[in-house]
């Protein structure tokens, strides 16, 4: 072995691994928690994986500001364009498939093969919702028959800023299943990642940042679910809340807080995220706008048209 080869060999032996620093994803940027706090994330066997940022109330308020700022542009985009953007996210996820498979395996205690299958299902789920962006209006909207010379048209519109408590056990497939339908319909979202397994959610923020999703459309917070959810449920500029990741006691507390400004609330329910979803989560955060328009003057012979 040459002297150069011996030097390289020794440097490899001395080299320390570069651990990943996980950060929040708010407004298209990656801030650390305002409080400076972190908490340990471990795998299913209790082995340390990383320190995740522990979000504060200030982080939650910052996320609301970012989501509200992004709402106008995102809701005003064409449904076809939103579909293109969501599909781009799926492309980026496909390119980082191995990373997510590793993180899901560690988070949920799955084998490599099962974790890879979960990631594939999550990517397919994202594509599925991307395809619905310009079709949901045809399903839930339409022309209504009325007694009078009027066109009466109903069309769906996004609710606004939505807070989502991600599922606690399904760290990636469940996460995608609650985020994608919210933004597919033109809402902006603040996601509270699984408290026990937040790493796939925080990595998703890195994918969103390098895709075409405008900053602020998706904001991802990690930390103690109850601590972050309480100020968001009571926030006057949050229009709806999905309680998918809340237990019964927390869900009740948040629902009471949400009533103060008449938030739309999606209660927690038993869901098999591996099954093909219906359109319930697409319609959960849509409002229906109905427009009346005169058809024209009616004479003895009928319409003037």
Foldseek 3Di string as FASTA:
>chain_A
DDPVVVVVVVCVVVDDDDADDFAWAAQLDGDAAPVNDWDFAFFPVRHTRYTYGAHAQVLLVRLLVLQQVCQVVQQPDALLVLLVQLLQLLVLLVVCLQVQLVLQCRHQVHDSVVSSVLSVLQSVLSNVLSVCLNPVQVVPWDWDDDDAQKTKTKGKGFQEEEEEEFAQNSQRLSNSVQLNLNSSRRYAYEYEGRANRRVSVSVSSVSSSPTPNGGSSYTYHYHDRLRSLQSVLQDLSHAAYECQHPDPVSQVNSVVSNPPNDHQYHGHDDDDSSDRDDCCSNCSRIDMDMDIDGNADADPVGHPD
